[in-house]
């Protein structure tokens, strides 16, 4: 069941996890370099333990960071 969460919208999965009653932690990944993340968060990794669920999230869209013109 948990593997079906991969790639899904975080807002929908968060509700499912809260219904399970298990504590959870999440981490948001960020790209390196001149990339700007934007958009909704998606689940990219899930690890389930006996007493908790660990989740890694990433933005669904990326674009090159634009330099500000003086």
PDB file of N, CA and C in Angstrom:
ATOM      1  N   UNK A   1       0.818  -1.192   0.000  1.00  0.00           N
ATOM      2  CA  UNK A   1       0.000   0.000   0.000  1.00  0.00           C
ATOM      3  C   UNK A   1       0.863   1.258   0.000  1.00  0.00           C
ATOM      4  N   UNK A   2       1.894   1.269   0.823  1.00  0.00           N
ATOM      5  CA  UNK A   2       2.722   2.463   0.950  1.00  0.00           C
ATOM      6  C   UNK A   2       3.478   2.744  -0.343  1.00  0.00           C
ATOM      7  N   UNK A   3       3.890   1.719  -1.060  1.00  0.00           N
ATOM      8  CA  UNK A   3       4.612   1.940  -2.310  1.00  0.00           C
ATOM      9  C   UNK A   3       3.732   2.632  -3.349  1.00  0.00           C
ATOM     10  N   UNK A   4       2.430   2.518  -3.214  1.00  0.00           N
ATOM     11  CA  UNK A   4       1.504   3.193  -4.132  1.00  0.00           C
ATOM     12  C   UNK A   4       1.497   4.696  -3.905  1.00  0.00           C
ATOM     13  N   UNK A   5       2.097   5.173  -2.812  1.00  0.00           N
ATOM     14  CA  UNK A   5       2.156   6.597  -2.527  1.00  0.00           C
ATOM     15  C   UNK A   5       3.200   7.325  -3.356  1.00  0.00           C
ATOM     16  N   UNK A   6       4.152   6.611  -3.928  1.00  0.00           N
ATOM     17  CA  UNK A   6       5.242   7.251  -4.669  1.00  0.00           C
ATOM     18  C   UNK A   6       4.707   8.036  -5.858  1.00  0.00           C
ATOM     19  N   UNK A   7       5.152   9.284  -5.964  1.00  0.00           N
ATOM     20  CA  UNK A   7       4.745  10.141  -7.064  1.00  0.00           C
ATOM     21  C   UNK A   7       3.419  10.846  -6.863  1.00  0.00           C
ATOM     22  N   UNK A   8       2.740  10.561  -5.769  1.00  0.00           N
ATOM     23  CA  UNK A   8       1.421  11.167  -5.545  1.00  0.00           C
ATOM     24  C   UNK A   8       1.540  12.497  -4.812  1.00  0.00           C
ATOM     25  N   UNK A   9       0.489  13.284  -4.884  1.00  0.00           N
ATOM     26  CA  UNK A   9       0.428  14.597  -4.259  1.00  0.00           C
ATOM     27  C   UNK A   9       0.502  14.469  -2.736  1.00  0.00           C
ATOM     28  N   UNK A  10       1.381  15.246  -2.113  1.00  0.00           N
ATOM     29  CA  UNK A  10       1.592  15.191  -0.671  1.00  0.00           C
ATOM     30  C   UNK A  10       0.330  15.521   0.120  1.00  0.00           C
ATOM     31  N   UNK A  11      -0.451  16.464  -0.318  1.00  0.00           N
ATOM     32  CA  UNK A  11      -1.658  16.852   0.426  1.00  0.00           C
ATOM     33  C   UNK A  11      -2.640  15.694   0.557  1.00  0.00           C
ATOM     34  N   UNK A  12      -2.733  14.850  -0.454  1.00  0.00           N
ATOM     35  CA  UNK A  12      -3.639  13.699  -0.404  1.00  0.00           C
ATOM     36  C   UNK A  12      -3.066  12.584   0.461  1.00  0.00           C
ATOM     37  N   UNK A  13      -1.767  12.353   0.352  1.00  0.00           N
ATOM     38  CA  UNK A  13      -1.121  11.287   1.118  1.00  0.00           C
ATOM     39  C   UNK A  13      -1.072  11.633   2.601  1.00  0.00           C
ATOM     40  N   UNK A  14      -0.907  12.909   2.910  1.00  0.00           N
ATOM     41  CA  UNK A  14      -0.854  13.341   4.315  1.00  0.00           C
ATOM     42  C   UNK A  14      -2.135  12.951   5.049  1.00  0.00           C
ATOM     43  N   UNK A  15      -3.265  13.100   4.405  1.00  0.00           N
ATOM     44  CA  UNK A  15      -4.541  12.724   5.022  1.00  0.00           C
ATOM     45  C   UNK A  15      -4.608  11.223   5.288  1.00  0.00           C
ATOM     46  N   UNK A  16      -4.098  10.418   4.363  1.00  0.00           N
ATOM     47  CA  UNK A  16      -4.097   8.962   4.524  1.00  0.00           C
ATOM     48  C   UNK A  16      -3.204   8.562   5.693  1.00  0.00           C
ATOM     49  N   UNK A  17      -2.029   9.181   5.796  1.00  0.00           N
ATOM     50  CA  UNK A  17      -1.098   8.862   6.881  1.00  0.00           C
ATOM     51  C   UNK A  17      -1.704   9.229   8.236  1.00  0.00           C
ATOM     52  N   UNK A  18      -2.345  10.365   8.314  1.00  0.00           N
ATOM     53  CA  UNK A  18      -2.953  10.783   9.578  1.00  0.00           C
ATOM     54  C   UNK A  18      -4.055   9.819  10.006  1.00  0.00           C
ATOM     55  N   UNK A  19      -4.763   9.237   9.047  1.00  0.00           N
ATOM     56  CA  UNK A  19      -5.795   8.247   9.380  1.00  0.00           C
ATOM     57  C   UNK A  19      -5.198   6.948   9.905  1.00  0.00           C
ATOM     58  N   UNK A  20      -3.946   6.630   9.478  1.00  0.00           N
ATOM     59  CA  UNK A  20      -3.284   5.421   9.968  1.00  0.00           C
ATOM     60  C   UNK A  20      -2.974   5.520  11.462  1.00  0.00           C
ATOM     61  N   UNK A  21      -2.757   6.742  11.944  1.00  0.00           N
ATOM     62  CA  UNK A  21      -2.470   6.930  13.354  1.00  0.00           C
ATOM     63  C   UNK A  21      -1.014   6.762  13.731  1.00  0.00           C
ATOM     64  N   UNK A  22      -0.129   6.552  12.755  1.00  0.00           N
ATOM     65  CA  UNK A  22       1.302   6.422  13.021  1.00  0.00           C
ATOM     66  C   UNK A  22       1.960   7.788  12.956  1.00  0.00           C
ATOM     67  N   UNK A  23       2.921   8.046  13.837  1.00  0.00           N
ATOM     68  CA  UNK A  23       3.673   9.296  13.686  1.00  0.00           C
ATOM     69  C   UNK A  23       4.470   9.264  12.389  1.00  0.00           C
ATOM     70  N   UNK A  24       4.682  10.429  11.798  1.00  0.00           N
ATOM     71  CA  UNK A  24       5.442  10.491  10.551  1.00  0.00           C
ATOM     72  C   UNK A  24       6.372  11.693  10.569  1.00  0.00           C
ATOM     73  N   UNK A  25       7.430  11.588   9.805  1.00  0.00           N
ATOM     74  CA  UNK A  25       8.351  12.695   9.586  1.00  0.00           C
ATOM     75  C   UNK A  25       8.508  12.854   8.086  1.00  0.00           C
ATOM     76  N   UNK A  26       8.801  14.084   7.661  1.00  0.00           N
ATOM     77  CA  UNK A  26       9.037  14.286   6.246  1.00  0.00           C
ATOM     78  C   UNK A  26      10.215  15.228   6.054  1.00  0.00           C
ATOM     79  N   UNK A  27      10.861  15.075   4.916  1.00  0.00           N
ATOM     80  CA  UNK A  27      11.997  15.897   4.536  1.00  0.00           C
ATOM     81  C   UNK A  27      11.761  16.372   3.108  1.00  0.00           C
ATOM     82  N   UNK A  28      12.117  17.621   2.833  1.00  0.00           N
ATOM     83  CA  UNK A  28      11.932  18.187   1.494  1.00  0.00           C
ATOM     84  C   UNK A  28      13.290  18.276   0.813  1.00  0.00           C
ATOM     85  N   UNK A  29      13.415  17.654  -0.354  1.00  0.00           N
ATOM     86  CA  UNK A  29      14.663  17.727  -1.097  1.00  0.00           C
ATOM     87  C   UNK A  29      14.672  18.984  -1.962  1.00  0.00           C
ATOM     88  N   UNK A  30      15.851  19.504  -2.188  1.00  0.00           N
ATOM     89  CA  UNK A  30      16.022  20.703  -3.017  1.00  0.00           C
ATOM     90  C   UNK A  30      17.118  20.436  -4.033  1.00  0.00           C
ATOM     91  N   UNK A  31      16.956  20.914  -5.253  1.00  0.00           N
ATOM     92  CA  UNK A  31      17.995  20.721  -6.258  1.00  0.00           C
ATOM     93  C   UNK A  31      19.194  21.636  -5.992  1.00  0.00           C
ATOM     94  N   UNK A  32      20.349  21.224  -6.462  1.00  0.00           N
ATOM     95  CA  UNK A  32      21.546  22.052  -6.343  1.00  0.00           C
ATOM     96  C   UNK A  32      21.725  22.870  -7.611  1.00  0.00           C
ATOM     97  N   UNK A  33      22.445  23.956  -7.479  1.00  0.00           N
ATOM     98  CA  UNK A  33      22.741  24.762  -8.659  1.00  0.00           C
ATOM     99  C   UNK A  33      21.701  25.832  -8.902  1.00  0.00           C
ATOM    100  N   UNK A  34      21.624  26.270 -10.148  1.00  0.00           N
ATOM    101  CA  UNK A  34      20.733  27.363 -10.534  1.00  0.00           C
ATOM    102  C   UNK A  34      19.361  26.855 -10.977  1.00  0.00           C
ATOM    103  N   UNK A  35      18.756  26.058 -10.140  1.00  0.00           N
ATOM    104  CA  UNK A  35      17.438  25.499 -10.427  1.00  0.00           C
ATOM    105  C   UNK A  35      16.472  25.995  -9.360  1.00  0.00           C
ATOM    106  N   UNK A  36      15.322  26.427  -9.784  1.00  0.00           N
ATOM    107  CA  UNK A  36      14.284  26.937  -8.872  1.00  0.00           C
ATOM    108  C   UNK A  36      13.126  25.935  -8.823  1.00  0.00           C
ATOM    109  N   UNK A  37      12.861  25.320  -7.646  1.00  0.00           N
ATOM    110  CA  UNK A  37      11.723  24.404  -7.558  1.00  0.00           C
ATOM    111  C   UNK A  37      10.418  25.175  -7.374  1.00  0.00           C
ATOM    112  N   UNK A  38       9.328  24.623  -7.902  1.00  0.00           N
ATOM    113  CA  UNK A  38       8.016  25.230  -7.722  1.00  0.00           C
ATOM    114  C   UNK A  38       6.943  24.172  -7.942  1.00  0.00           C
ATOM    115  N   UNK A  39       5.740  24.490  -7.558  1.00  0.00           N
ATOM    116  CA  UNK A  39       4.626  23.561  -7.739  1.00  0.00           C
ATOM    117  C   UNK A  39       4.335  22.762  -6.478  1.00  0.00           C
ATOM    118  N   UNK A  40       3.478  21.788  -6.607  1.00  0.00           N
ATOM    119  CA  UNK A  40       3.073  20.940  -5.485  1.00  0.00           C
ATOM    120  C   UNK A  40       4.214  20.013  -5.080  1.00  0.00           C
ATOM    121  N   UNK A  41       4.117  19.499  -3.852  1.00  0.00           N
ATOM    122  CA  UNK A  41       5.067  18.501  -3.384  1.00  0.00           C
ATOM    123  C   UNK A  41       4.576  17.117  -3.769  1.00  0.00           C
ATOM    124  N   UNK A  42       5.514  16.269  -4.177  1.00  0.00           N
ATOM    125  CA  UNK A  42       5.233  14.873  -4.520  1.00  0.00           C
ATOM    126  C   UNK A  42       6.062  13.969  -3.618  1.00  0.00           C
ATOM    127  N   UNK A  43       5.549  12.796  -3.311  1.00  0.00           N
ATOM    128  CA  UNK A  43       6.255  11.814  -2.488  1.00  0.00           C
ATOM    129  C   UNK A  43       7.270  11.099  -3.381  1.00  0.00           C
ATOM    130  N   UNK A  44       8.565  11.103  -2.974  1.00  0.00           N
ATOM    131  CA  UNK A  44       9.590  10.438  -3.768  1.00  0.00           C
ATOM    132  C   UNK A  44      10.233   9.259  -3.040  1.00  0.00           C
ATOM    133  N   UNK A  45      10.026   9.162  -1.715  1.00  0.00           N
ATOM    134  CA  UNK A  45      10.568   8.023  -0.969  1.00  0.00           C
ATOM    135  C   UNK A  45       9.730   7.811   0.282  1.00  0.00           C
ATOM    136  N   UNK A  46       9.480   6.551   0.598  1.00  0.00           N
ATOM    137  CA  UNK A  46       8.720   6.191   1.796  1.00  0.00           C
ATOM    138  C   UNK A  46       9.437   5.046   2.493  1.00  0.00           C
ATOM    139  N   UNK A  47       9.647   5.200   3.792  1.00  0.00           N
ATOM    140  CA  UNK A  47      10.216   4.128   4.610  1.00  0.00           C
ATOM    141  C   UNK A  47       9.310   3.936   5.813  1.00  0.00           C
ATOM    142  N   UNK A  48       8.812   2.716   5.976  1.00  0.00           N
ATOM    143  CA  UNK A  48       7.918   2.427   7.097  1.00  0.00           C
ATOM    144  C   UNK A  48       8.655   1.604   8.144  1.00  0.00           C
ATOM    145  N   UNK A  49       8.562   2.041   9.389  1.00  0.00           N
ATOM    146  CA  UNK A  49       9.111   1.329  10.526  1.00  0.00           C
ATOM    147  C   UNK A  49       7.948   0.902  11.416  1.00  0.00           C
ATOM    148  N   UNK A  50       8.248   0.145  12.459  1.00  0.00           N
ATOM    149  CA  UNK A  50       7.192  -0.313  13.362  1.00  0.00           C
ATOM    150  C   UNK A  50       6.477   0.846  14.050  1.00  0.00           C
ATOM    151  N   UNK A  51       7.244   1.911  14.367  1.00  0.00           N
ATOM    152  CA  UNK A  51       6.665   2.991  15.155  1.00  0.00           C
ATOM    153  C   UNK A  51       6.514   4.315  14.416  1.00  0.00           C
ATOM    154  N   UNK A  52       6.908   4.386  13.131  1.00  0.00           N
ATOM    155  CA  UNK A  52       6.791   5.652  12.401  1.00  0.00           C
ATOM    156  C   UNK A  52       6.922   5.419  10.890  1.00  0.00           C
ATOM    157  N   UNK A  53       6.634   6.494  10.142  1.00  0.00           N
ATOM    158  CA  UNK A  53       6.799   6.488   8.688  1.00  0.00           C
ATOM    159  C   UNK A  53       7.661   7.696   8.321  1.00  0.00           C
ATOM    160  N   UNK A  54       8.734   7.470   7.546  1.00  0.00           N
ATOM    161  CA  UNK A  54       9.597   8.547   7.061  1.00  0.00           C
ATOM    162  C   UNK A  54       9.304   8.778   5.586  1.00  0.00           C
ATOM    163  N   UNK A  55       9.146  10.046   5.213  1.00  0.00           N
ATOM    164  CA  UNK A  55       8.766  10.396   3.847  1.00  0.00           C
ATOM    165  C   UNK A  55       9.709  11.473   3.329  1.00  0.00           C
ATOM    166  N   UNK A  56      10.106  11.360   2.056  1.00  0.00           N
ATOM    167  CA  UNK A  56      10.902  12.382   1.388  1.00  0.00           C
ATOM    168  C   UNK A  56      10.038  12.978   0.287  1.00  0.00           C
ATOM    169  N   UNK A  57      10.000  14.325   0.237  1.00  0.00           N
ATOM    170  CA  UNK A  57       9.181  15.051  -0.731  1.00  0.00           C
ATOM    171  C   UNK A  57      10.052  15.859  -1.680  1.00  0.00           C
ATOM    172  N   UNK A  58       9.544  16.105  -2.873  1.00  0.00           N
ATOM    173  CA  UNK A  58      10.207  16.972  -3.847  1.00  0.00           C
ATOM    174  C   UNK A  58       9.142  17.780  -4.577  1.00  0.00           C
ATOM    175  N   UNK A  59       9.531  18.951  -5.037  1.00  0.00           N
ATOM    176  CA  UNK A  59       8.615  19.746  -5.845  1.00  0.00           C
ATOM    177  C   UNK A  59       8.360  19.023  -7.161  1.00  0.00           C
ATOM    178  N   UNK A  60       7.204  19.249  -7.744  1.00  0.00           N
ATOM    179  CA  UNK A  60       6.889  18.555  -8.993  1.00  0.00           C
ATOM    180  C   UNK A  60       7.455  19.263 -10.229  1.00  0.00           C
ATOM    181  N   UNK A  61       7.821  20.542 -10.109  1.00  0.00           N
ATOM    182  CA  UNK A  61       8.336  21.287 -11.260  1.00  0.00           C
ATOM    183  C   UNK A  61       9.639  21.998 -10.913  1.00  0.00           C
ATOM    184  N   UNK A  62      10.480  22.139 -11.923  1.00  0.00           N
ATOM    185  CA  UNK A  62      11.752  22.843 -11.774  1.00  0.00           C
ATOM    186  C   UNK A  62      11.963  23.720 -12.996  1.00  0.00           C
ATOM    187  N   UNK A  63      12.655  24.830 -12.801  1.00  0.00           N
ATOM    188  CA  UNK A  63      13.008  25.690 -13.932  1.00  0.00           C
ATOM    189  C   UNK A  63      14.329  26.389 -13.603  1.00  0.00           C
ATOM    190  N   UNK A  64      15.064  26.821 -14.638  1.00  0.00           N
ATOM    191  CA  UNK A  64      16.317  27.538 -14.389  1.00  0.00           C
ATOM    192  C   UNK A  64      16.048  28.835 -13.639  1.00  0.00           C
ATOM    193  N   UNK A  65      16.908  29.133 -12.688  1.00  0.00           N
ATOM    194  CA  UNK A  65      16.767  30.362 -11.914  1.00  0.00           C
ATOM    195  C   UNK A  65      17.134  31.541 -12.802  1.00  0.00           C
ATOM    196  N   UNK A  66      16.285  32.554 -12.802  1.00  0.00           N
ATOM    197  CA  UNK A  66      16.495  33.735 -13.627  1.00  0.00           C
ATOM    198  C   UNK A  66      17.288  34.781 -12.843  1.00  0.00           C
ATOM    199  N   UNK A  67      18.263  35.387 -13.487  1.00  0.00           N
ATOM    200  CA  UNK A  67      19.018  36.451 -12.862  1.00  0.00           C
ATOM    201  C   UNK A  67      18.195  37.727 -12.898  1.00  0.00           C
ATOM    202  N   UNK A  68      18.321  38.521 -11.836  1.00  0.00           N
ATOM    203  CA  UNK A  68      17.615  39.793 -11.791  1.00  0.00           C
ATOM    204  C   UNK A  68      18.373  40.818 -12.639  1.00  0.00           C
ATOM    205  N   UNK A  69      17.654  41.566 -13.436  1.00  0.00           N
ATOM    206  CA  UNK A  69      18.299  42.606 -14.237  1.00  0.00           C
ATOM    207  C   UNK A  69      18.385  43.887 -13.428  1.00  0.00           C
ATOM    208  N   UNK A  70      19.531  44.566 -13.488  1.00  0.00           N
ATOM    209  CA  UNK A  70      19.680  45.809 -12.705  1.00  0.00           C
ATOM    210  C   UNK A  70      18.906  46.973 -13.274  1.00  0.00           C
TER     211      UNK A  70
END
